[in-house]
């Protein structure tokens, strides 16, 4: 009978040791990975998108831009949704503001 009590006591200790960890401990690595992904990928992309949007909204006559099609152009005029750009002498084209990829680098010389 004495040996039976020891076995029951050992079984109780093992049952306590085999208890699953709390739910928050299981989800902590997933939350950590999502936070890392947010700070590495999502946040910088959103910041870059907001900067481009501010740049496009602030376009003025004479600004040199690059379109998403790869055209280097100079802004002639701008309205709420489109921009008229000069791509060559006497060649002006109206493009959507969403087609502006950004400003030209000043050192590119194009």
C-alpha atoms as a PDB file:
ATOM      1  CA  UNK A   1       0.000   0.000   0.000  1.00  0.00           C
ATOM      2  CA  UNK A   2       2.929   2.290   0.732  1.00  0.00           C
ATOM      3  CA  UNK A   3       4.273   1.809  -2.816  1.00  0.00           C
ATOM      4  CA  UNK A   4       0.859   2.641  -4.238  1.00  0.00           C
ATOM      5  CA  UNK A   5       0.873   6.022  -2.471  1.00  0.00           C
ATOM      6  CA  UNK A   6       4.260   6.877  -3.942  1.00  0.00           C
ATOM      7  CA  UNK A   7       3.049   6.021  -7.428  1.00  0.00           C
ATOM      8  CA  UNK A   8      -0.049   8.178  -6.982  1.00  0.00           C
ATOM      9  CA  UNK A   9       2.089  11.063  -5.737  1.00  0.00           C
ATOM     10  CA  UNK A  10       4.482  10.694  -8.668  1.00  0.00           C
ATOM     11  CA  UNK A  11       1.564  10.630 -11.098  1.00  0.00           C
ATOM     12  CA  UNK A  12       0.247  13.858  -9.578  1.00  0.00           C
ATOM     13  CA  UNK A  13       3.611  15.571 -10.009  1.00  0.00           C
ATOM     14  CA  UNK A  14       3.855  14.374 -13.613  1.00  0.00           C
ATOM     15  CA  UNK A  15       0.325  15.587 -14.356  1.00  0.00           C
ATOM     16  CA  UNK A  16       1.238  19.039 -13.101  1.00  0.00           C
ATOM     17  CA  UNK A  17       4.443  19.093 -15.145  1.00  0.00           C
ATOM     18  CA  UNK A  18       2.643  18.044 -18.342  1.00  0.00           C
ATOM     19  CA  UNK A  19       0.087  20.864 -18.159  1.00  0.00           C
ATOM     20  CA  UNK A  20       0.083  22.971 -21.355  1.00  0.00           C
ATOM     21  CA  UNK A  21       1.473  26.506 -21.119  1.00  0.00           C
ATOM     22  CA  UNK A  22      -0.935  29.449 -21.036  1.00  0.00           C
ATOM     23  CA  UNK A  23      -2.407  30.590 -24.364  1.00  0.00           C
ATOM     24  CA  UNK A  24      -0.477  33.869 -24.393  1.00  0.00           C
ATOM     25  CA  UNK A  25       2.802  31.957 -24.260  1.00  0.00           C
ATOM     26  CA  UNK A  26       1.806  29.980 -27.340  1.00  0.00           C
ATOM     27  CA  UNK A  27       0.867  33.113 -29.309  1.00  0.00           C
ATOM     28  CA  UNK A  28       3.811  35.262 -28.201  1.00  0.00           C
ATOM     29  CA  UNK A  29       6.169  34.104 -31.003  1.00  0.00           C
ATOM     30  CA  UNK A  30       3.489  34.786 -33.636  1.00  0.00           C
ATOM     31  CA  UNK A  31       2.865  38.275 -32.270  1.00  0.00           C
ATOM     32  CA  UNK A  32       6.620  38.908 -32.152  1.00  0.00           C
ATOM     33  CA  UNK A  33       7.022  37.845 -35.800  1.00  0.00           C
ATOM     34  CA  UNK A  34       4.121  40.069 -36.885  1.00  0.00           C
ATOM     35  CA  UNK A  35       5.626  43.057 -35.080  1.00  0.00           C
ATOM     36  CA  UNK A  36       9.001  42.491 -36.734  1.00  0.00           C
ATOM     37  CA  UNK A  37       7.288  42.195 -40.143  1.00  0.00           C
ATOM     38  CA  UNK A  38       5.393  45.441 -39.508  1.00  0.00           C
ATOM     39  CA  UNK A  39       8.522  47.408 -38.626  1.00  0.00           C
ATOM     40  CA  UNK A  40      10.624  45.930 -41.450  1.00  0.00           C
ATOM     41  CA  UNK A  41       8.135  45.889 -44.333  1.00  0.00           C
ATOM     42  CA  UNK A  42       4.839  47.679 -43.781  1.00  0.00           C
ATOM     43  CA  UNK A  43       5.886  50.824 -41.923  1.00  0.00           C
ATOM     44  CA  UNK A  44       8.680  51.904 -44.320  1.00  0.00           C
ATOM     45  CA  UNK A  45       6.476  51.246 -47.367  1.00  0.00           C
ATOM     46  CA  UNK A  46       3.657  53.337 -45.902  1.00  0.00           C
ATOM     47  CA  UNK A  47       6.094  56.142 -45.071  1.00  0.00           C
ATOM     48  CA  UNK A  48       7.481  56.126 -48.619  1.00  0.00           C
ATOM     49  CA  UNK A  49       3.960  56.151 -50.084  1.00  0.00           C
ATOM     50  CA  UNK A  50       2.971  59.164 -47.955  1.00  0.00           C
ATOM     51  CA  UNK A  51       6.129  61.041 -48.993  1.00  0.00           C
ATOM     52  CA  UNK A  52       5.374  60.375 -52.678  1.00  0.00           C
ATOM     53  CA  UNK A  53       1.789  61.527 -52.207  1.00  0.00           C
ATOM     54  CA  UNK A  54       2.968  64.794 -50.616  1.00  0.00           C
ATOM     55  CA  UNK A  55       5.474  65.282 -53.440  1.00  0.00           C
ATOM     56  CA  UNK A  56       2.810  64.751 -56.098  1.00  0.00           C
ATOM     57  CA  UNK A  57       0.381  67.121 -54.384  1.00  0.00           C
ATOM     58  CA  UNK A  58       3.117  69.774 -54.230  1.00  0.00           C
ATOM     59  CA  UNK A  59       4.132  69.614 -57.907  1.00  0.00           C
ATOM     60  CA  UNK A  60       4.767  73.033 -59.426  1.00  0.00           C
ATOM     61  CA  UNK A  61       5.540  74.339 -62.872  1.00  0.00           C
ATOM     62  CA  UNK A  62       9.141  73.536 -63.790  1.00  0.00           C
ATOM     63  CA  UNK A  63       9.522  70.451 -61.574  1.00  0.00           C
ATOM     64  CA  UNK A  64      11.248  67.583 -63.351  1.00  0.00           C
ATOM     65  CA  UNK A  65       9.472  64.268 -62.837  1.00  0.00           C
ATOM     66  CA  UNK A  66       9.612  60.615 -63.881  1.00  0.00           C
ATOM     67  CA  UNK A  67       6.401  58.852 -64.856  1.00  0.00           C
ATOM     68  CA  UNK A  68       5.633  55.232 -64.060  1.00  0.00           C
ATOM     69  CA  UNK A  69       6.136  54.541 -67.775  1.00  0.00           C
ATOM     70  CA  UNK A  70       9.718  55.765 -67.524  1.00  0.00           C
ATOM     71  CA  UNK A  71       9.295  59.129 -69.241  1.00  0.00           C
ATOM     72  CA  UNK A  72      11.406  62.010 -67.998  1.00  0.00           C
ATOM     73  CA  UNK A  73       9.332  65.176 -68.192  1.00  0.00           C
ATOM     74  CA  UNK A  74       8.914  68.704 -66.905  1.00  0.00           C
ATOM     75  CA  UNK A  75       5.688  69.875 -65.287  1.00  0.00           C
ATOM     76  CA  UNK A  76       3.882  72.567 -67.300  1.00  0.00           C
ATOM     77  CA  UNK A  77       0.651  72.759 -65.287  1.00  0.00           C
ATOM     78  CA  UNK A  78      -1.255  70.805 -62.691  1.00  0.00           C
ATOM     79  CA  UNK A  79      -4.859  70.400 -61.617  1.00  0.00           C
ATOM     80  CA  UNK A  80      -6.597  68.213 -59.052  1.00  0.00           C
ATOM     81  CA  UNK A  81      -6.229  64.826 -60.808  1.00  0.00           C
ATOM     82  CA  UNK A  82      -3.805  65.313 -63.679  1.00  0.00           C
ATOM     83  CA  UNK A  83      -0.580  66.997 -64.689  1.00  0.00           C
ATOM     84  CA  UNK A  84       0.448  68.389 -68.075  1.00  0.00           C
ATOM     85  CA  UNK A  85       4.093  67.550 -68.676  1.00  0.00           C
ATOM     86  CA  UNK A  86       6.498  68.514 -71.449  1.00  0.00           C
ATOM     87  CA  UNK A  87       8.469  65.500 -72.631  1.00  0.00           C
ATOM     88  CA  UNK A  88      10.208  67.246 -75.537  1.00  0.00           C
ATOM     89  CA  UNK A  89      10.185  70.607 -77.302  1.00  0.00           C
ATOM     90  CA  UNK A  90       6.589  71.200 -78.346  1.00  0.00           C
ATOM     91  CA  UNK A  91       5.354  67.835 -76.997  1.00  0.00           C
ATOM     92  CA  UNK A  92       3.030  68.139 -74.022  1.00  0.00           C
ATOM     93  CA  UNK A  93       1.123  65.241 -72.520  1.00  0.00           C
ATOM     94  CA  UNK A  94      -1.551  65.116 -69.824  1.00  0.00           C
ATOM     95  CA  UNK A  95      -0.961  62.293 -67.336  1.00  0.00           C
ATOM     96  CA  UNK A  96      -2.763  61.256 -64.178  1.00  0.00           C
ATOM     97  CA  UNK A  97      -1.063  62.267 -60.959  1.00  0.00           C
ATOM     98  CA  UNK A  98      -1.012  58.599 -60.014  1.00  0.00           C
ATOM     99  CA  UNK A  99       1.291  58.009 -63.012  1.00  0.00           C
ATOM    100  CA  UNK A 100       4.035  60.161 -61.479  1.00  0.00           C
ATOM    101  CA  UNK A 101       6.697  57.910 -59.953  1.00  0.00           C
ATOM    102  CA  UNK A 102       8.666  60.752 -58.363  1.00  0.00           C
ATOM    103  CA  UNK A 103      10.979  63.658 -58.942  1.00  0.00           C
ATOM    104  CA  UNK A 104      14.094  63.293 -61.062  1.00  0.00           C
ATOM    105  CA  UNK A 105      17.416  63.156 -59.265  1.00  0.00           C
ATOM    106  CA  UNK A 106      19.224  66.432 -59.859  1.00  0.00           C
ATOM    107  CA  UNK A 107      22.515  64.638 -60.495  1.00  0.00           C
ATOM    108  CA  UNK A 108      21.047  62.413 -63.243  1.00  0.00           C
ATOM    109  CA  UNK A 109      21.309  65.212 -65.796  1.00  0.00           C
ATOM    110  CA  UNK A 110      18.360  63.939 -67.851  1.00  0.00           C
END
